[in-house]
């Protein structure tokens, strides 16, 4: 489940960057992705 959410957000972040989305949107997705990655490493070492 966590892996799927990380992949989804990573894809969304890449899409936002490639489409030139507003910086605030890119930043928001990036922060969400960072939190999930940190949670993943906390759980899986």
PDB file of N, CA and C in Angstrom:
ATOM      1  N   UNK A   1       0.827  -1.193   0.000  1.00  0.00           N
ATOM      2  CA  UNK A   1       0.000   0.000   0.000  1.00  0.00           C
ATOM      3  C   UNK A   1       0.868   1.253   0.000  1.00  0.00           C
ATOM      4  N   UNK A   2       1.830   1.301   0.891  1.00  0.00           N
ATOM      5  CA  UNK A   2       2.706   2.471   0.977  1.00  0.00           C
ATOM      6  C   UNK A   2       3.523   2.621  -0.303  1.00  0.00           C
ATOM      7  N   UNK A   3       4.003   1.497  -0.833  1.00  0.00           N
ATOM      8  CA  UNK A   3       4.762   1.525  -2.086  1.00  0.00           C
ATOM      9  C   UNK A   3       3.930   2.097  -3.226  1.00  0.00           C
ATOM     10  N   UNK A   4       2.678   1.698  -3.286  1.00  0.00           N
ATOM     11  CA  UNK A   4       1.780   2.178  -4.341  1.00  0.00           C
ATOM     12  C   UNK A   4       1.567   3.680  -4.234  1.00  0.00           C
ATOM     13  N   UNK A   5       1.399   4.173  -3.035  1.00  0.00           N
ATOM     14  CA  UNK A   5       1.183   5.606  -2.826  1.00  0.00           C
ATOM     15  C   UNK A   5       2.449   6.394  -3.178  1.00  0.00           C
ATOM     16  N   UNK A   6       3.615   5.847  -2.840  1.00  0.00           N
ATOM     17  CA  UNK A   6       4.877   6.492  -3.201  1.00  0.00           C
ATOM     18  C   UNK A   6       4.998   6.571  -4.722  1.00  0.00           C
ATOM     19  N   UNK A   7       4.697   5.490  -5.404  1.00  0.00           N
ATOM     20  CA  UNK A   7       4.768   5.477  -6.872  1.00  0.00           C
ATOM     21  C   UNK A   7       3.782   6.464  -7.484  1.00  0.00           C
ATOM     22  N   UNK A   8       2.584   6.522  -6.927  1.00  0.00           N
ATOM     23  CA  UNK A   8       1.572   7.450  -7.442  1.00  0.00           C
ATOM     24  C   UNK A   8       2.029   8.893  -7.295  1.00  0.00           C
ATOM     25  N   UNK A   9       2.543   9.235  -6.104  1.00  0.00           N
ATOM     26  CA  UNK A   9       2.998  10.602  -5.881  1.00  0.00           C
ATOM     27  C   UNK A   9       4.235  10.931  -6.710  1.00  0.00           C
ATOM     28  N   UNK A  10       5.121   9.960  -6.881  1.00  0.00           N
ATOM     29  CA  UNK A  10       6.310  10.183  -7.712  1.00  0.00           C
ATOM     30  C   UNK A  10       5.893  10.487  -9.145  1.00  0.00           C
ATOM     31  N   UNK A  11       4.924   9.733  -9.654  1.00  0.00           N
ATOM     32  CA  UNK A  11       4.420   9.975 -11.003  1.00  0.00           C
ATOM     33  C   UNK A  11       3.744  11.336 -11.106  1.00  0.00           C
ATOM     34  N   UNK A  12       2.980  11.689 -10.085  1.00  0.00           N
ATOM     35  CA  UNK A  12       2.318  12.993 -10.082  1.00  0.00           C
ATOM     36  C   UNK A  12       3.350  14.121 -10.048  1.00  0.00           C
ATOM     37  N   UNK A  13       4.391  13.955  -9.238  1.00  0.00           N
ATOM     38  CA  UNK A  13       5.442  14.964  -9.161  1.00  0.00           C
ATOM     39  C   UNK A  13       6.137  15.119 -10.516  1.00  0.00           C
ATOM     40  N   UNK A  14       6.483  14.012 -11.135  1.00  0.00           N
ATOM     41  CA  UNK A  14       7.120  14.069 -12.451  1.00  0.00           C
ATOM     42  C   UNK A  14       6.226  14.749 -13.482  1.00  0.00           C
ATOM     43  N   UNK A  15       4.935  14.451 -13.439  1.00  0.00           N
ATOM     44  CA  UNK A  15       3.987  15.074 -14.353  1.00  0.00           C
ATOM     45  C   UNK A  15       3.906  16.574 -14.117  1.00  0.00           C
ATOM     46  N   UNK A  16       3.824  16.969 -12.860  1.00  0.00           N
ATOM     47  CA  UNK A  16       3.749  18.398 -12.520  1.00  0.00           C
ATOM     48  C   UNK A  16       4.980  19.144 -13.027  1.00  0.00           C
ATOM     49  N   UNK A  17       6.133  18.547 -12.849  1.00  0.00           N
ATOM     50  CA  UNK A  17       7.377  19.183 -13.291  1.00  0.00           C
ATOM     51  C   UNK A  17       7.405  19.282 -14.813  1.00  0.00           C
ATOM     52  N   UNK A  18       7.088  18.195 -15.494  1.00  0.00           N
ATOM     53  CA  UNK A  18       7.170  18.187 -16.960  1.00  0.00           C
ATOM     54  C   UNK A  18       6.136  19.110 -17.598  1.00  0.00           C
ATOM     55  N   UNK A  19       5.006  19.304 -16.931  1.00  0.00           N
ATOM     56  CA  UNK A  19       3.961  20.176 -17.472  1.00  0.00           C
ATOM     57  C   UNK A  19       4.099  21.621 -17.001  1.00  0.00           C
ATOM     58  N   UNK A  20       5.128  21.891 -16.202  1.00  0.00           N
ATOM     59  CA  UNK A  20       5.376  23.258 -15.758  1.00  0.00           C
ATOM     60  C   UNK A  20       4.333  23.796 -14.792  1.00  0.00           C
ATOM     61  N   UNK A  21       3.834  22.919 -13.950  1.00  0.00           N
ATOM     62  CA  UNK A  21       2.843  23.342 -12.941  1.00  0.00           C
ATOM     63  C   UNK A  21       3.426  24.433 -12.043  1.00  0.00           C
ATOM     64  N   UNK A  22       2.548  25.098 -11.337  1.00  0.00           N
ATOM     65  CA  UNK A  22       2.947  26.135 -10.389  1.00  0.00           C
ATOM     66  C   UNK A  22       3.868  25.541  -9.316  1.00  0.00           C
ATOM     67  N   UNK A  23       4.860  26.331  -8.913  1.00  0.00           N
ATOM     68  CA  UNK A  23       5.847  25.859  -7.938  1.00  0.00           C
ATOM     69  C   UNK A  23       5.188  25.388  -6.646  1.00  0.00           C
ATOM     70  N   UNK A  24       4.147  26.056  -6.199  1.00  0.00           N
ATOM     71  CA  UNK A  24       3.500  25.667  -4.939  1.00  0.00           C
ATOM     72  C   UNK A  24       2.894  24.267  -5.039  1.00  0.00           C
ATOM     73  N   UNK A  25       2.366  23.907  -6.189  1.00  0.00           N
ATOM     74  CA  UNK A  25       1.812  22.566  -6.405  1.00  0.00           C
ATOM     75  C   UNK A  25       2.942  21.536  -6.389  1.00  0.00           C
ATOM     76  N   UNK A  26       4.034  21.832  -7.090  1.00  0.00           N
ATOM     77  CA  UNK A  26       5.184  20.927  -7.125  1.00  0.00           C
ATOM     78  C   UNK A  26       5.729  20.736  -5.718  1.00  0.00           C
ATOM     79  N   UNK A  27       5.851  21.819  -4.976  1.00  0.00           N
ATOM     80  CA  UNK A  27       6.385  21.749  -3.614  1.00  0.00           C
ATOM     81  C   UNK A  27       5.479  20.897  -2.721  1.00  0.00           C
ATOM     82  N   UNK A  28       4.174  21.093  -2.830  1.00  0.00           N
ATOM     83  CA  UNK A  28       3.223  20.348  -2.004  1.00  0.00           C
ATOM     84  C   UNK A  28       3.339  18.845  -2.265  1.00  0.00           C
ATOM     85  N   UNK A  29       3.375  18.460  -3.532  1.00  0.00           N
ATOM     86  CA  UNK A  29       3.486  17.037  -3.879  1.00  0.00           C
ATOM     87  C   UNK A  29       4.825  16.488  -3.402  1.00  0.00           C
ATOM     88  N   UNK A  30       5.877  17.278  -3.550  1.00  0.00           N
ATOM     89  CA  UNK A  30       7.217  16.854  -3.128  1.00  0.00           C
ATOM     90  C   UNK A  30       7.277  16.606  -1.626  1.00  0.00           C
ATOM     91  N   UNK A  31       6.668  17.479  -0.856  1.00  0.00           N
ATOM     92  CA  UNK A  31       6.657  17.319   0.604  1.00  0.00           C
ATOM     93  C   UNK A  31       5.863  16.073   0.994  1.00  0.00           C
ATOM     94  N   UNK A  32       4.736  15.853   0.354  1.00  0.00           N
ATOM     95  CA  UNK A  32       3.938  14.657   0.630  1.00  0.00           C
ATOM     96  C   UNK A  32       4.748  13.399   0.317  1.00  0.00           C
ATOM     97  N   UNK A  33       5.444  13.416  -0.811  1.00  0.00           N
ATOM     98  CA  UNK A  33       6.266  12.277  -1.210  1.00  0.00           C
ATOM     99  C   UNK A  33       7.388  12.040  -0.209  1.00  0.00           C
ATOM    100  N   UNK A  34       8.043  13.088   0.221  1.00  0.00           N
ATOM    101  CA  UNK A  34       9.115  12.968   1.215  1.00  0.00           C
ATOM    102  C   UNK A  34       8.611  12.336   2.510  1.00  0.00           C
ATOM    103  N   UNK A  35       7.428  12.726   2.948  1.00  0.00           N
ATOM    104  CA  UNK A  35       6.857  12.164   4.173  1.00  0.00           C
ATOM    105  C   UNK A  35       6.614  10.664   4.030  1.00  0.00           C
ATOM    106  N   UNK A  36       6.088  10.266   2.876  1.00  0.00           N
ATOM    107  CA  UNK A  36       5.823   8.845   2.662  1.00  0.00           C
ATOM    108  C   UNK A  36       7.114   8.043   2.581  1.00  0.00           C
ATOM    109  N   UNK A  37       8.120   8.603   1.946  1.00  0.00           N
ATOM    110  CA  UNK A  37       9.412   7.909   1.856  1.00  0.00           C
ATOM    111  C   UNK A  37      10.020   7.753   3.246  1.00  0.00           C
ATOM    112  N   UNK A  38       9.938   8.796   4.060  1.00  0.00           N
ATOM    113  CA  UNK A  38      10.450   8.720   5.431  1.00  0.00           C
ATOM    114  C   UNK A  38       9.694   7.662   6.225  1.00  0.00           C
ATOM    115  N   UNK A  39       8.394   7.613   6.055  1.00  0.00           N
ATOM    116  CA  UNK A  39       7.580   6.605   6.745  1.00  0.00           C
ATOM    117  C   UNK A  39       7.963   5.202   6.284  1.00  0.00           C
ATOM    118  N   UNK A  40       8.192   5.052   4.996  1.00  0.00           N
ATOM    119  CA  UNK A  40       8.599   3.751   4.437  1.00  0.00           C
ATOM    120  C   UNK A  40       9.894   3.273   5.089  1.00  0.00           C
ATOM    121  N   UNK A  41      10.891   4.164   5.165  1.00  0.00           N
ATOM    122  CA  UNK A  41      12.179   3.778   5.759  1.00  0.00           C
ATOM    123  C   UNK A  41      12.077   3.549   7.258  1.00  0.00           C
ATOM    124  N   UNK A  42      11.165   4.253   7.904  1.00  0.00           N
ATOM    125  CA  UNK A  42      10.949   4.041   9.336  1.00  0.00           C
ATOM    126  C   UNK A  42      10.404   2.624   9.581  1.00  0.00           C
ATOM    127  N   UNK A  43       9.509   2.190   8.707  1.00  0.00           N
ATOM    128  CA  UNK A  43       8.901   0.877   8.841  1.00  0.00           C
ATOM    129  C   UNK A  43       9.848  -0.227   8.393  1.00  0.00           C
ATOM    130  N   UNK A  44      10.528   0.004   7.266  1.00  0.00           N
ATOM    131  CA  UNK A  44      11.333  -1.050   6.628  1.00  0.00           C
ATOM    132  C   UNK A  44      12.829  -0.945   6.859  1.00  0.00           C
ATOM    133  N   UNK A  45      13.224   0.023   7.661  1.00  0.00           N
ATOM    134  CA  UNK A  45      14.639   0.156   8.005  1.00  0.00           C
ATOM    135  C   UNK A  45      15.446   0.512   6.863  1.00  0.00           C
TER     136      UNK A  45
END
